Amino acid sequence: MQFTNAGSSACELVGYPTVQLLLNGRQIGTRSQPSTPGTVSSRRLASGETAESLVHDYTQTCQAPLSDTVRVVVPGTTHIYLRPGLQLRACVLRVDKLGAPE
């Protein structure tokens, strides 16, 4: 997931994004957890700058249903974005610390 500062001044994202999977408008599985619990995730973004956090979908032998939409809460905010059409298995989701896009 990428987050871009569209404002005219710098901002700081603190925390990890939260990812929830939806199927037909209903939550499936559990919310994502940080991939490195106990570590701080913080990224200062100048105007126009982008930060990235990777999502890992640990399916292993899990046969949970696939999502049809992904709901993302921006780190440190209550801003929610829906991404229709993204399919992830509702098993174990982990999100990485915010970093520079690769």
C-alpha atoms as a PDB file:
ATOM      1  CA  MET A   1       0.000   0.000   0.000  1.00  0.00           C
ATOM      2  CA  GLN A   2       1.245   3.458  -0.796  1.00  0.00           C
ATOM      3  CA  PHE A   3       0.327   6.703   0.928  1.00  0.00           C
ATOM      4  CA  THR A   4       1.084  10.040  -0.753  1.00  0.00           C
ATOM      5  CA  ASN A   5       1.023  13.432   0.942  1.00  0.00           C
ATOM      6  CA  ALA A   6      -1.291  15.441  -1.319  1.00  0.00           C
ATOM      7  CA  GLY A   7      -1.149  18.482   0.973  1.00  0.00           C
ATOM      8  CA  SER A   8       1.001  21.582   0.593  1.00  0.00           C
ATOM      9  CA  SER A   9       2.958  21.044   3.830  1.00  0.00           C
ATOM     10  CA  ALA A  10       4.783  18.130   5.425  1.00  0.00           C
ATOM     11  CA  CYS A  11       2.902  15.516   7.433  1.00  0.00           C
ATOM     12  CA  GLU A  12       3.818  12.529   9.564  1.00  0.00           C
ATOM     13  CA  LEU A  13       2.237   9.093   9.462  1.00  0.00           C
ATOM     14  CA  VAL A  14       2.566   7.272  12.771  1.00  0.00           C
ATOM     15  CA  GLY A  15       1.594   3.652  13.280  1.00  0.00           C
ATOM     16  CA  TYR A  16       0.794   0.808  10.931  1.00  0.00           C
ATOM     17  CA  PRO A  17      -1.977   0.748   8.346  1.00  0.00           C
ATOM     18  CA  THR A  18      -4.895  -1.499   9.258  1.00  0.00           C
ATOM     19  CA  VAL A  19      -6.191  -3.855   6.587  1.00  0.00           C
ATOM     20  CA  GLN A  20      -9.551  -5.605   6.752  1.00  0.00           C
ATOM     21  CA  LEU A  21     -10.886  -7.935   4.094  1.00  0.00           C
ATOM     22  CA  LEU A  22     -14.480  -7.744   2.891  1.00  0.00           C
ATOM     23  CA  LEU A  23     -16.626 -10.154   0.916  1.00  0.00           C
ATOM     24  CA  ASN A  24     -20.001  -8.902  -0.295  1.00  0.00           C
ATOM     25  CA  GLY A  25     -19.672  -5.924   2.075  1.00  0.00           C
ATOM     26  CA  ARG A  26     -19.057  -8.035   5.207  1.00  0.00           C
ATOM     27  CA  GLN A  27     -15.788  -8.428   7.077  1.00  0.00           C
ATOM     28  CA  ILE A  28     -14.057 -11.790   6.719  1.00  0.00           C
ATOM     29  CA  GLY A  29     -11.087 -12.918   8.760  1.00  0.00           C
ATOM     30  CA  THR A  30      -9.410 -10.667  11.305  1.00  0.00           C
ATOM     31  CA  ARG A  31      -7.720  -7.287  11.019  1.00  0.00           C
ATOM     32  CA  SER A  32      -4.079  -7.135  10.018  1.00  0.00           C
ATOM     33  CA  GLN A  33      -1.318  -7.050  12.608  1.00  0.00           C
ATOM     34  CA  PRO A  34       2.151  -5.438  12.411  1.00  0.00           C
ATOM     35  CA  SER A  35       4.770  -7.779  10.946  1.00  0.00           C
ATOM     36  CA  THR A  36       7.205  -6.616  13.652  1.00  0.00           C
ATOM     37  CA  PRO A  37       5.136  -6.150  16.830  1.00  0.00           C
ATOM     38  CA  GLY A  38       6.547  -3.774  19.404  1.00  0.00           C
ATOM     39  CA  THR A  39       8.385  -1.618  16.864  1.00  0.00           C
ATOM     40  CA  VAL A  40       7.398   1.949  16.046  1.00  0.00           C
ATOM     41  CA  SER A  41       6.387   2.840  12.510  1.00  0.00           C
ATOM     42  CA  SER A  42       6.698   6.512  11.650  1.00  0.00           C
ATOM     43  CA  ARG A  43       7.379   8.331   8.399  1.00  0.00           C
ATOM     44  CA  ARG A  44       7.565  12.088   7.719  1.00  0.00           C
ATOM     45  CA  LEU A  45       6.385  12.998   4.233  1.00  0.00           C
ATOM     46  CA  ALA A  46       7.105  16.230   2.411  1.00  0.00           C
ATOM     47  CA  SER A  47       4.419  17.504   0.064  1.00  0.00           C
ATOM     48  CA  GLY A  48       4.118  15.027  -2.827  1.00  0.00           C
ATOM     49  CA  GLU A  49       6.249  12.355  -1.117  1.00  0.00           C
ATOM     50  CA  THR A  50       5.070   8.730  -0.822  1.00  0.00           C
ATOM     51  CA  ALA A  51       5.472   6.069   1.883  1.00  0.00           C
ATOM     52  CA  GLU A  52       4.820   2.375   1.424  1.00  0.00           C
ATOM     53  CA  SER A  53       3.801  -0.529   3.654  1.00  0.00           C
ATOM     54  CA  LEU A  54       3.702  -4.059   2.253  1.00  0.00           C
ATOM     55  CA  VAL A  55       0.881  -6.461   3.121  1.00  0.00           C
ATOM     56  CA  HIS A  56       1.681 -10.143   3.572  1.00  0.00           C
ATOM     57  CA  ASP A  57      -1.069 -12.722   3.197  1.00  0.00           C
ATOM     58  CA  TYR A  58       0.063 -15.871   5.037  1.00  0.00           C
ATOM     59  CA  THR A  59      -2.189 -18.556   3.616  1.00  0.00           C
ATOM     60  CA  GLN A  60      -0.092 -21.711   4.136  1.00  0.00           C
ATOM     61  CA  THR A  61      -2.801 -24.378   4.407  1.00  0.00           C
ATOM     62  CA  CYS A  62      -5.637 -21.944   5.120  1.00  0.00           C
ATOM     63  CA  GLN A  63      -8.685 -22.389   2.902  1.00  0.00           C
ATOM     64  CA  ALA A  64     -10.502 -19.204   3.991  1.00  0.00           C
ATOM     65  CA  PRO A  65     -12.538 -17.347   1.368  1.00  0.00           C
ATOM     66  CA  LEU A  66     -11.051 -14.710  -0.923  1.00  0.00           C
ATOM     67  CA  SER A  67     -11.987 -11.083  -0.371  1.00  0.00           C
ATOM     68  CA  ASP A  68     -13.587  -8.969  -3.082  1.00  0.00           C
ATOM     69  CA  THR A  69     -12.646  -5.644  -1.421  1.00  0.00           C
ATOM     70  CA  VAL A  70      -9.874  -4.479   0.887  1.00  0.00           C
ATOM     71  CA  ARG A  71     -10.532  -1.770   3.490  1.00  0.00           C
ATOM     72  CA  VAL A  72      -7.445   0.223   4.552  1.00  0.00           C
ATOM     73  CA  VAL A  73      -7.204   2.626   7.485  1.00  0.00           C
ATOM     74  CA  VAL A  74      -4.377   5.149   7.017  1.00  0.00           C
ATOM     75  CA  PRO A  75      -1.802   4.954   9.853  1.00  0.00           C
ATOM     76  CA  GLY A  76      -2.565   7.274  12.768  1.00  0.00           C
ATOM     77  CA  THR A  77      -5.876   8.456  11.288  1.00  0.00           C
ATOM     78  CA  THR A  78      -9.478   7.393  10.888  1.00  0.00           C
ATOM     79  CA  HIS A  79      -9.381   7.814   7.090  1.00  0.00           C
ATOM     80  CA  ILE A  80     -10.743   4.693   5.406  1.00  0.00           C
ATOM     81  CA  TYR A  81     -10.173   3.732   1.794  1.00  0.00           C
ATOM     82  CA  LEU A  82     -11.869   0.870  -0.014  1.00  0.00           C
ATOM     83  CA  ARG A  83     -10.059  -0.972  -2.796  1.00  0.00           C
ATOM     84  CA  PRO A  84     -12.605  -3.074  -4.724  1.00  0.00           C
ATOM     85  CA  GLY A  85     -11.363  -6.005  -6.770  1.00  0.00           C
ATOM     86  CA  LEU A  86      -8.412  -6.921  -4.536  1.00  0.00           C
ATOM     87  CA  GLN A  87      -8.434 -10.576  -3.614  1.00  0.00           C
ATOM     88  CA  LEU A  88      -6.586 -11.808  -0.544  1.00  0.00           C
ATOM     89  CA  ARG A  89      -7.280 -14.897   1.537  1.00  0.00           C
ATOM     90  CA  ALA A  90      -8.801 -14.179   4.932  1.00  0.00           C
ATOM     91  CA  CYS A  91      -6.070 -16.003   6.827  1.00  0.00           C
ATOM     92  CA  VAL A  92      -3.256 -14.155   8.615  1.00  0.00           C
ATOM     93  CA  LEU A  93      -2.480 -10.628   7.378  1.00  0.00           C
ATOM     94  CA  ARG A  94       0.662  -8.773   8.424  1.00  0.00           C
ATOM     95  CA  VAL A  95       1.713  -5.226   7.442  1.00  0.00           C
ATOM     96  CA  ASP A  96       5.266  -3.877   7.344  1.00  0.00           C
ATOM     97  CA  LYS A  97       6.596  -0.633   8.794  1.00  0.00           C
ATOM     98  CA  LEU A  98       6.217   2.458   6.604  1.00  0.00           C
ATOM     99  CA  GLY A  99       9.175   2.959   4.324  1.00  0.00           C
ATOM    100  CA  ALA A 100      10.231   4.427   0.996  1.00  0.00           C
ATOM    101  CA  PRO A 101       8.570   2.869  -2.050  1.00  0.00           C
ATOM    102  CA  GLU A 102      10.631   0.254  -3.841  1.00  0.00           C
END
